[in-house]
C-alpha atoms as a PDB file:
ATOM      1  CA  MET A   1       7.003  -0.421  15.362  1.00  0.00           C
ATOM      2  CA  ASP A   2       4.249   0.587  17.823  1.00  0.00           C
ATOM      3  CA  THR A   3       4.499   4.177  18.458  1.00  0.00           C
ATOM      4  CA  GLN A   4       2.042   4.854  20.973  1.00  0.00           C
ATOM      5  CA  ASN A   5       3.129   3.598  24.255  1.00  0.00           C
ATOM      6  CA  PHE A   6       6.189   5.545  24.365  1.00  0.00           C
ATOM      7  CA  LYS A   7       6.795   8.499  26.703  1.00  0.00           C
ATOM      8  CA  THR A   8       8.432  10.497  23.776  1.00  0.00           C
ATOM      9  CA  LYS A   9       6.030  10.814  20.749  1.00  0.00           C
ATOM     10  CA  ILE A  10       7.838  10.330  17.412  1.00  0.00           C
ATOM     11  CA  THR A  11       6.258  12.315  14.416  1.00  0.00           C
ATOM     12  CA  GLU A  12       5.455  10.897  11.064  1.00  0.00           C
ATOM     13  CA  HIS A  13       8.594  12.507   9.414  1.00  0.00           C
ATOM     14  CA  ALA A  14      10.825  11.422  11.949  1.00  0.00           C
ATOM     15  CA  TYR A  15       9.591   7.541  11.567  1.00  0.00           C
ATOM     16  CA  VAL A  16       9.465   7.942   7.693  1.00  0.00           C
ATOM     17  CA  ARG A  17      13.083   9.254   7.747  1.00  0.00           C
ATOM     18  CA  ILE A  18      14.405   6.592  10.512  1.00  0.00           C
ATOM     19  CA  SER A  19      12.612   3.702   8.174  1.00  0.00           C
ATOM     20  CA  GLU A  20      13.695   4.909   4.737  1.00  0.00           C
ATOM     21  CA  ARG A  21      17.361   5.335   5.994  1.00  0.00           C
ATOM     22  CA  LEU A  22      17.459   1.869   7.784  1.00  0.00           C
ATOM     23  CA  GLU A  23      15.776   0.320   5.019  1.00  0.00           C
ATOM     24  CA  LYS A  24      18.316   1.766   2.376  1.00  0.00           C
ATOM     25  CA  MET A  25      21.369   0.712   4.712  1.00  0.00           C
ATOM     26  CA  THR A  26      20.166  -2.855   5.557  1.00  0.00           C
ATOM     27  CA  LYS A  27      19.064  -3.744   2.308  1.00  0.00           C
ATOM     28  CA  ASN A  28      22.118  -4.342   0.581  1.00  0.00           C
ATOM     29  CA  ASN A  29      24.240  -5.261   4.014  1.00  0.00           C
ATOM     30  CA  ASP A  30      25.653  -1.431   3.698  1.00  0.00           C
ATOM     31  CA  ILE A  31      25.301  -1.725   7.756  1.00  0.00           C
ATOM     32  CA  THR A  32      26.067  -4.599   9.531  1.00  0.00           C
ATOM     33  CA  VAL A  33      23.250  -6.614  11.714  1.00  0.00           C
ATOM     34  CA  LYS A  34      24.890  -5.358  14.659  1.00  0.00           C
ATOM     35  CA  GLU A  35      25.020  -1.512  13.743  1.00  0.00           C
ATOM     36  CA  GLU A  36      21.267  -1.910  12.957  1.00  0.00           C
ATOM     37  CA  GLU A  37      20.335  -3.423  16.550  1.00  0.00           C
ATOM     38  CA  ILE A  38      22.268  -0.696  18.139  1.00  0.00           C
ATOM     39  CA  ILE A  39      20.619   1.692  16.332  1.00  0.00           C
ATOM     40  CA  LYS A  40      16.990   0.191  16.930  1.00  0.00           C
ATOM     41  CA  ALA A  41      18.078   0.138  20.835  1.00  0.00           C
ATOM     42  CA  ASN A  42      19.161   3.521  20.978  1.00  0.00           C
ATOM     43  CA  LEU A  43      15.693   4.872  19.234  1.00  0.00           C
ATOM     44  CA  ASN A  44      13.576   2.612  21.495  1.00  0.00           C
ATOM     45  CA  ALA A  45      15.578   4.227  24.512  1.00  0.00           C
ATOM     46  CA  THR A  46      15.127   7.616  23.061  1.00  0.00           C
ATOM     47  CA  LEU A  47      11.365   6.774  22.788  1.00  0.00           C
ATOM     48  CA  ASN A  48      11.080   5.514  26.259  1.00  0.00           C
ATOM     49  CA  TYR A  49      12.994   8.617  27.777  1.00  0.00           C
ATOM     50  CA  ASP A  50      10.468  11.386  28.946  1.00  0.00           C
ATOM     51  CA  PHE A  51      12.364  14.810  28.148  1.00  0.00           C
ATOM     52  CA  LYS A  52      11.746  18.166  29.536  1.00  0.00           C
ATOM     53  CA  GLN A  53       9.667  20.089  27.260  1.00  0.00           C
ATOM     54  CA  ASN A  54      11.088  23.539  27.216  1.00  0.00           C
ATOM     55  CA  LYS A  55      14.074  22.061  25.854  1.00  0.00           C
ATOM     56  CA  SER A  56      15.494  20.580  22.377  1.00  0.00           C
ATOM     57  CA  TYR A  57      18.234  17.546  22.170  1.00  0.00           C
ATOM     58  CA  GLY A  58      20.137  15.967  19.385  1.00  0.00           C
ATOM     59  CA  VAL A  59      20.394  12.190  19.989  1.00  0.00           C
ATOM     60  CA  MET A  60      23.210  10.239  18.392  1.00  0.00           C
ATOM     61  CA  LEU A  61      21.393   6.887  17.721  1.00  0.00           C
ATOM     62  CA  GLY A  62      24.351   5.346  15.955  1.00  0.00           C
ATOM     63  CA  ARG A  63      27.574   4.938  14.118  1.00  0.00           C
ATOM     64  CA  PHE A  64      28.487   2.554  11.274  1.00  0.00           C
ATOM     65  CA  ASN A  65      31.249   1.635   9.176  1.00  0.00           C
ATOM     66  CA  ILE A  66      30.977   2.817   5.455  1.00  0.00           C
ATOM     67  CA  ASN A  67      30.972  -0.278   2.849  1.00  0.00           C
ATOM     68  CA  PRO A  68      33.250   1.428   0.206  1.00  0.00           C
ATOM     69  CA  ASN A  69      31.209  -0.606  -2.364  1.00  0.00           C
ATOM     70  CA  SER A  70      28.151   0.505  -1.448  1.00  0.00           C
ATOM     71  CA  LYS A  71      25.547   2.093  -4.138  1.00  0.00           C
ATOM     72  CA  LEU A  72      24.977   4.734  -1.189  1.00  0.00           C
ATOM     73  CA  VAL A  73      28.676   6.083  -0.866  1.00  0.00           C
ATOM     74  CA  THR A  74      29.672   9.681  -2.037  1.00  0.00           C
ATOM     75  CA  TYR A  75      33.314  10.767  -2.677  1.00  0.00           C
ATOM     76  CA  PHE A  76      32.338  14.429  -2.798  1.00  0.00           C
ATOM     77  CA  HIS A  77      34.139  14.516   0.648  1.00  0.00           C
ATOM     78  CA  LYS A  78      37.570  12.698  -0.247  1.00  0.00           C
ATOM     79  CA  PRO A  79      39.571  11.557   1.388  1.00  0.00           C
ATOM     80  CA  ARG A  80      36.831  10.427   3.661  1.00  0.00           C
ATOM     81  CA  ILE A  81      33.614   8.707   2.258  1.00  0.00           C
ATOM     82  CA  TYR A  82      30.283   8.804   3.690  1.00  0.00           C
ATOM     83  CA  TYR A  83      26.530   7.465   2.859  1.00  0.00           C
ATOM     84  CA  GLU A  84      24.324   9.641   0.998  1.00  0.00           C
ATOM     85  CA  ILE A  85      20.825   9.136   1.341  1.00  0.00           C
ATOM     86  CA  TYR A  86      18.210  11.121  -0.554  1.00  0.00           C
ATOM     87  CA  SER A  87      14.534  11.863   0.566  1.00  0.00           C
ATOM     88  CA  ALA A  88      11.363  10.623  -1.109  1.00  0.00           C
ATOM     89  CA  ASP A  89       9.767  13.626   0.103  1.00  0.00           C
ATOM     90  CA  LYS A  90      10.702  16.278  -2.295  1.00  0.00           C
ATOM     91  CA  ASN A  91       9.205  19.032  -0.187  1.00  0.00           C
ATOM     92  CA  ASP A  92      11.640  18.531   2.329  1.00  0.00           C
ATOM     93  CA  ILE A  93      14.346  21.608   2.943  1.00  0.00           C
ATOM     94  CA  MET A  94      17.065  19.369   2.826  1.00  0.00           C
ATOM     95  CA  LEU A  95      17.136  16.254   0.039  1.00  0.00           C
ATOM     96  CA  ASP A  96      19.639  14.270   1.360  1.00  0.00           C
ATOM     97  CA  SER A  97      21.539  12.869   4.722  1.00  0.00           C
ATOM     98  CA  THR A  98      24.941  12.458   4.256  1.00  0.00           C
ATOM     99  CA  GLY A  99      27.256  10.662   7.123  1.00  0.00           C
ATOM    100  CA  ASN A 100      28.380   8.015   9.088  1.00  0.00           C
ATOM    101  CA  GLU A 101      26.121   8.208  12.090  1.00  0.00           C
ATOM    102  CA  ILE A 102      22.492   8.631  12.518  1.00  0.00           C
ATOM    103  CA  TRP A 103      20.696  11.367  14.451  1.00  0.00           C
ATOM    104  CA  GLY A 104      17.459  12.330  15.559  1.00  0.00           C
ATOM    105  CA  VAL A 105      16.119  15.262  16.983  1.00  0.00           C
ATOM    106  CA  VAL A 106      13.633  15.709  20.223  1.00  0.00           C
ATOM    107  CA  ARG A 107      11.577  19.046  20.520  1.00  0.00           C
ATOM    108  CA  ASN A 108       8.763  19.537  22.868  1.00  0.00           C
ATOM    109  CA  ASN A 109       9.252  15.606  24.286  1.00  0.00           C
ATOM    110  CA  GLY A 110       8.679  14.325  20.559  1.00  0.00           C
ATOM    111  CA  LEU A 111      11.145  13.015  18.124  1.00  0.00           C
ATOM    112  CA  VAL A 112      10.438  15.054  15.108  1.00  0.00           C
ATOM    113  CA  THR A 113      13.211  14.138  12.651  1.00  0.00           C
ATOM    114  CA  ALA A 114      16.287  11.778  11.922  1.00  0.00           C
ATOM    115  CA  PHE A 115      19.272  12.156   9.681  1.00  0.00           C
ATOM    116  CA  LEU A 116      23.144  10.982   8.731  1.00  0.00           C
ATOM    117  CA  ARG A 117      25.436  13.334  10.003  1.00  0.00           C
ATOM    118  CA  LYS A 118      29.449  12.874   9.891  1.00  0.00           C
ATOM    119  CA  THR A 119      31.605  12.360  12.760  1.00  0.00           C
ATOM    120  CA  ILE A 120      33.784  15.414  11.687  1.00  0.00           C
ATOM    121  CA  GLN A 121      30.749  17.520  12.862  1.00  0.00           C
ATOM    122  CA  ARG A 122      30.388  16.579  16.317  1.00  0.00           C
ATOM    123  CA  GLN A 123      32.660  19.790  17.155  1.00  0.00           C
ATOM    124  CA  THR A 124      29.498  21.864  15.766  1.00  0.00           C
ATOM    125  CA  ALA A 125      26.856  19.771  17.059  1.00  0.00           C
ATOM    126  CA  ARG A 126      26.310  22.226  19.905  1.00  0.00           C
ATOM    127  CA  GLU A 127      26.254  25.533  17.135  1.00  0.00           C
ATOM    128  CA  PRO A 128      23.205  27.112  15.743  1.00  0.00           C
ATOM    129  CA  ARG A 129      21.659  25.409  12.529  1.00  0.00           C
ATOM    130  CA  ASN A 130      23.018  28.220  10.560  1.00  0.00           C
ATOM    131  CA  MET A 131      26.565  27.626  11.945  1.00  0.00           C
ATOM    132  CA  GLY A 132      26.593  23.622  10.768  1.00  0.00           C
ATOM    133  CA  GLY A 133      24.985  22.443  14.269  1.00  0.00           C
ATOM    134  CA  LEU A 134      21.951  20.804  15.192  1.00  0.00           C
ATOM    135  CA  GLY A 135      20.263  23.814  16.575  1.00  0.00           C
ATOM    136  CA  VAL A 136      19.221  21.943  19.956  1.00  0.00           C
ATOM    137  CA  ASP A 137      20.025  23.184  23.489  1.00  0.00           C
ATOM    138  CA  ILE A 138      21.517  19.616  24.683  1.00  0.00           C
ATOM    139  CA  VAL A 139      23.303  17.264  22.476  1.00  0.00           C
ATOM    140  CA  ILE A 140      23.357  13.368  23.677  1.00  0.00           C
ATOM    141  CA  ASP A 141      26.063  11.156  22.543  1.00  0.00           C
ATOM    142  CA  ASN A 142      24.887   8.124  24.082  1.00  0.00           C
ATOM    143  CA  ILE A 143      21.315   8.070  25.703  1.00  0.00           C
ATOM    144  CA  ASN A 144      22.086   5.085  27.639  1.00  0.00           C
ATOM    145  CA  THR A 145      24.415   6.736  29.850  1.00  0.00           C
ATOM    146  CA  TRP A 146      23.256  10.415  29.777  1.00  0.00           C
ATOM    147  CA  LYS A 147      22.582  11.896  33.020  1.00  0.00           C
ATOM    148  CA  PRO A 148      20.810  15.344  32.588  1.00  0.00           C
ATOM    149  CA  LYS A 149      21.886  18.472  34.285  1.00  0.00           C
ATOM    150  CA  TYR A 150      18.953  20.772  34.520  1.00  0.00           C
END
């Protein structure tokens, strides 16, 4: 992906996280081609949006159905199951992402990270990070229909 021509910059950290998660999920058909296309289209729409500098944003990039036979599945959250992907970078504060959605965080008009999150965590998305939220000013469920209310 050529990241130079976007309105929103993407950090190397975010690029690695998205690439890592998509690669692991597509490698064994854990997500469908359509789900991957939607995630990539939403990522492209996010990177082509000119976000306001003094705000932070949580952007939902896509959701997927879980393949219960996948090696990535965790049963820790029974009865629900989710994908759990561990980061290659052991210096990360959060060593794994767990969920059925992929989210990105934009700060200072730059996509700074991406991670898996559970749909059931939607109710806390607007909360501070120490309360299970994204720690952002604005939560965007659909970048294609979102209209800013500044």
